[in-house]
Amino acid sequence: MQKQDCFYLGTVVGKYSFKGELLVKVDSDNPKDYTELESIFVELSTGLVPFFINKCQLHKSELLRIDFEEISNEQEADALIKKNLYLPLDLLPPLDGNKFYYHEIIGFTVSTMAEEIGLITAVLEQGPQALFQVEATDKKIHLIPIHDDFIIEVDRKKNLIRVQLPEGLLDL
């Protein structure tokens, strides 16, 4: 499995027991959605490696407590601390309306009600506000904040995101 075919699920943040159970901080508002997993990919120096799950349960409402088949003691568990976990993209729950996953909107056209702005070439998440990186037809790059108040419509059939932007935003 290649990393580009997966989505980031979370990170191993600690051990739970001397038997090798691990605690995972999940990058999701609903960690419970992932308690029925049979396997998961762990990012090791050799790439993504599948690990099979004996048991997975919610721990303190925001963490997953996972018992992997391959891990049976503290030393083996220590090797996975701070490792990132991934799942195949097809396990993402579908979104509707104006909600979207960042990876799915790359290549979408962004337009206002009056004009086309350009194509989304990336989503930038480094700062406090995620941004659409939009390349206009004249090759100019626009950075548009991803904000619910700006997004009017997400049309997956037309690969289009319609926005209403504050006056002058595109001139920055």
Protein backbone atom coordinates (compact mmCIF):
# COMPACT_ATOMS: atom_id res chain seq x y z
CA MET A 1 0.00 0.00 0.00
CA GLN A 2 1.32 3.42 -0.97
CA LYS A 3 0.96 6.44 1.30
CA GLN A 4 -0.84 8.45 -1.42
CA ASP A 5 -3.56 5.76 -1.43
CA CYS A 6 -4.19 6.25 2.29
CA PHE A 7 -5.34 8.85 4.75
CA TYR A 8 -3.70 9.76 8.03
CA LEU A 9 -5.68 8.29 10.93
CA GLY A 10 -3.57 9.27 13.92
CA THR A 11 -0.43 8.74 15.96
CA VAL A 12 0.57 6.22 18.62
CA VAL A 13 0.95 8.37 21.75
CA GLY A 14 1.65 5.84 24.47
CA LYS A 15 1.39 2.37 25.96
CA TYR A 16 -1.62 1.16 27.90
CA SER A 17 -0.37 -2.05 29.49
CA PHE A 18 2.65 -4.26 29.93
CA LYS A 19 1.07 -6.64 27.38
CA GLY A 20 1.78 -4.24 24.51
CA GLU A 21 -1.51 -2.42 24.08
CA LEU A 22 -1.11 1.04 22.57
CA LEU A 23 -2.97 4.34 22.83
CA VAL A 24 -3.66 6.19 19.59
CA LYS A 25 -4.66 9.83 19.21
CA VAL A 26 -7.06 9.80 16.26
CA ASP A 27 -7.34 12.74 13.88
CA SER A 28 -11.14 12.58 13.82
CA ASP A 29 -14.09 14.12 15.60
CA ASN A 30 -15.50 10.58 15.94
CA PRO A 31 -12.80 8.14 17.10
CA LYS A 32 -15.54 5.59 17.81
CA ASP A 33 -15.97 5.21 14.02
CA TYR A 34 -12.65 3.32 14.00
CA THR A 35 -13.21 0.76 16.77
CA GLU A 36 -14.17 -2.05 14.36
CA LEU A 37 -10.93 -2.08 12.34
CA GLU A 38 -9.31 -5.41 11.45
CA SER A 39 -5.97 -3.92 10.43
CA ILE A 40 -4.13 -0.65 10.10
CA PHE A 41 -0.98 0.58 8.35
CA VAL A 42 1.90 1.77 10.53
CA GLU A 43 4.45 4.10 8.95
CA LEU A 44 7.87 2.58 9.57
CA SER A 45 11.24 3.45 7.99
CA THR A 46 10.55 0.77 5.36
CA GLY A 47 7.17 2.28 4.41
CA LEU A 48 3.60 1.44 5.39
CA VAL A 49 3.38 -1.93 7.12
CA PRO A 50 0.06 -3.64 7.89
CA PHE A 51 -0.60 -4.58 11.52
CA PHE A 52 -3.57 -6.76 12.43
CA ILE A 53 -5.82 -5.89 15.34
CA ASN A 54 -6.99 -8.29 18.07
CA LYS A 55 -9.04 -5.67 19.86
CA CYS A 56 -9.73 -1.97 19.48
CA GLN A 57 -11.80 0.14 21.83
CA LEU A 58 -12.42 3.73 22.79
CA HIS A 59 -10.29 5.00 25.68
CA LYS A 60 -11.36 8.13 27.58
CA SER A 61 -13.59 9.19 24.65
CA GLU A 62 -10.81 10.60 22.47
CA LEU A 63 -8.18 7.86 22.18
CA LEU A 64 -8.21 4.34 20.77
CA ARG A 65 -6.73 1.51 22.80
CA ILE A 66 -5.39 -1.05 20.32
CA ASP A 67 -4.14 -4.57 20.92
CA PHE A 68 -2.14 -5.59 17.83
CA GLU A 69 -1.55 -9.27 17.00
CA GLU A 70 2.13 -8.53 16.32
CA ILE A 71 2.80 -6.73 19.64
CA SER A 72 2.91 -8.77 22.84
CA ASN A 73 5.15 -6.84 25.24
CA GLU A 74 6.30 -3.38 26.30
CA GLN A 75 9.53 -3.45 24.29
CA GLU A 76 7.69 -4.18 21.02
CA ALA A 77 5.13 -1.49 21.90
CA ASP A 78 7.90 1.07 22.59
CA ALA A 79 9.06 0.71 18.98
CA LEU A 80 5.70 2.05 17.76
CA ILE A 81 5.45 5.12 20.01
CA LYS A 82 5.11 8.31 17.89
CA LYS A 83 4.50 6.29 14.70
CA ASN A 84 1.80 7.53 12.33
CA LEU A 85 -1.12 5.28 11.38
CA TYR A 86 -2.92 5.18 8.03
CA LEU A 87 -5.97 3.58 6.45
CA PRO A 88 -6.93 3.12 2.77
CA LEU A 89 -8.85 6.05 1.27
CA ASP A 90 -11.88 3.83 0.56
CA LEU A 91 -12.48 3.54 4.33
CA LEU A 92 -13.22 7.25 4.66
CA PRO A 93 -16.91 7.82 5.35
CA PRO A 94 -18.56 9.70 2.46
CA LEU A 95 -19.30 13.38 3.02
CA ASP A 96 -22.13 15.36 1.50
CA GLY A 97 -23.23 18.95 1.25
CA ASN A 98 -20.45 21.50 1.62
CA LYS A 99 -18.21 19.17 3.62
CA PHE A 100 -15.19 17.67 1.89
CA TYR A 101 -11.87 15.97 2.44
CA TYR A 102 -8.88 18.03 1.39
CA HIS A 103 -7.48 15.31 -0.86
CA GLU A 104 -10.72 14.99 -2.82
CA ILE A 105 -10.95 18.63 -3.96
CA ILE A 106 -7.51 18.89 -5.57
CA GLY A 107 -8.24 19.73 -9.21
CA PHE A 108 -11.66 21.25 -8.48
CA THR A 109 -12.46 24.59 -10.09
CA VAL A 110 -13.11 27.51 -7.74
CA SER A 111 -15.49 30.20 -8.91
CA THR A 112 -17.60 33.03 -7.63
CA MET A 113 -21.15 33.55 -8.88
CA ALA A 114 -19.70 35.84 -11.58
CA GLU A 115 -16.38 34.33 -12.65
CA GLU A 116 -14.02 31.38 -12.54
CA ILE A 117 -11.00 31.91 -10.28
CA GLY A 118 -8.95 28.81 -11.15
CA LEU A 119 -8.05 25.25 -10.14
CA ILE A 120 -7.20 24.04 -6.64
CA THR A 121 -3.64 22.76 -6.85
CA ALA A 122 -3.07 22.19 -3.12
CA VAL A 123 -4.48 22.68 0.34
CA LEU A 124 -2.05 24.43 2.68
CA GLU A 125 -2.41 23.54 6.36
CA GLN A 126 0.77 24.99 7.88
CA GLY A 127 -0.71 28.10 9.50
CA PRO A 128 -3.66 28.67 11.79
CA GLN A 129 -6.06 28.78 8.79
CA ALA A 130 -6.16 26.14 6.04
CA LEU A 131 -5.99 27.65 2.56
CA PHE A 132 -6.95 26.64 -0.97
CA GLN A 133 -3.99 27.22 -3.29
CA VAL A 134 -5.69 28.17 -6.54
CA GLU A 135 -3.88 28.58 -9.86
CA ALA A 136 -5.66 31.03 -12.16
CA THR A 137 -5.58 30.68 -15.95
CA ASP A 138 -2.97 33.49 -16.07
CA LYS A 139 -0.78 31.28 -13.77
CA LYS A 140 -1.25 33.68 -10.82
CA ILE A 141 -1.57 31.85 -7.48
CA HIS A 142 -4.39 32.83 -5.10
CA LEU A 143 -4.55 31.72 -1.48
CA ILE A 144 -8.16 31.50 -0.31
CA PRO A 145 -9.05 30.73 3.32
CA ILE A 146 -11.11 27.56 3.73
CA HIS A 147 -13.97 28.94 5.77
CA ASP A 148 -17.61 27.85 5.96
CA ASP A 149 -18.74 31.46 5.49
CA PHE A 150 -16.95 31.67 2.11
CA ILE A 151 -18.09 28.33 0.63
CA ILE A 152 -21.49 28.53 -1.02
CA GLU A 153 -21.55 25.18 -2.81
CA VAL A 154 -19.48 22.04 -3.34
CA ASP A 155 -20.56 20.30 -6.56
CA ARG A 156 -18.81 16.93 -6.79
CA LYS A 157 -20.40 16.10 -10.14
CA LYS A 158 -18.94 19.23 -11.76
CA ASN A 159 -15.74 19.28 -9.63
CA LEU A 160 -16.63 22.81 -8.61
CA ILE A 161 -16.49 24.85 -5.43
CA ARG A 162 -18.46 28.09 -5.54
CA VAL A 163 -17.33 30.78 -3.12
CA GLN A 164 -18.36 34.23 -2.01
CA LEU A 165 -15.25 36.13 -1.01
CA PRO A 166 -14.74 39.43 0.79
CA GLU A 167 -14.10 42.37 -1.53
CA GLY A 168 -10.43 42.64 -2.51
CA LEU A 169 -9.32 39.20 -1.20
CA LEU A 170 -8.09 38.09 -4.62
CA ASP A 171 -6.10 41.32 -5.04
CA LEU A 172 -3.80 40.50 -2.09
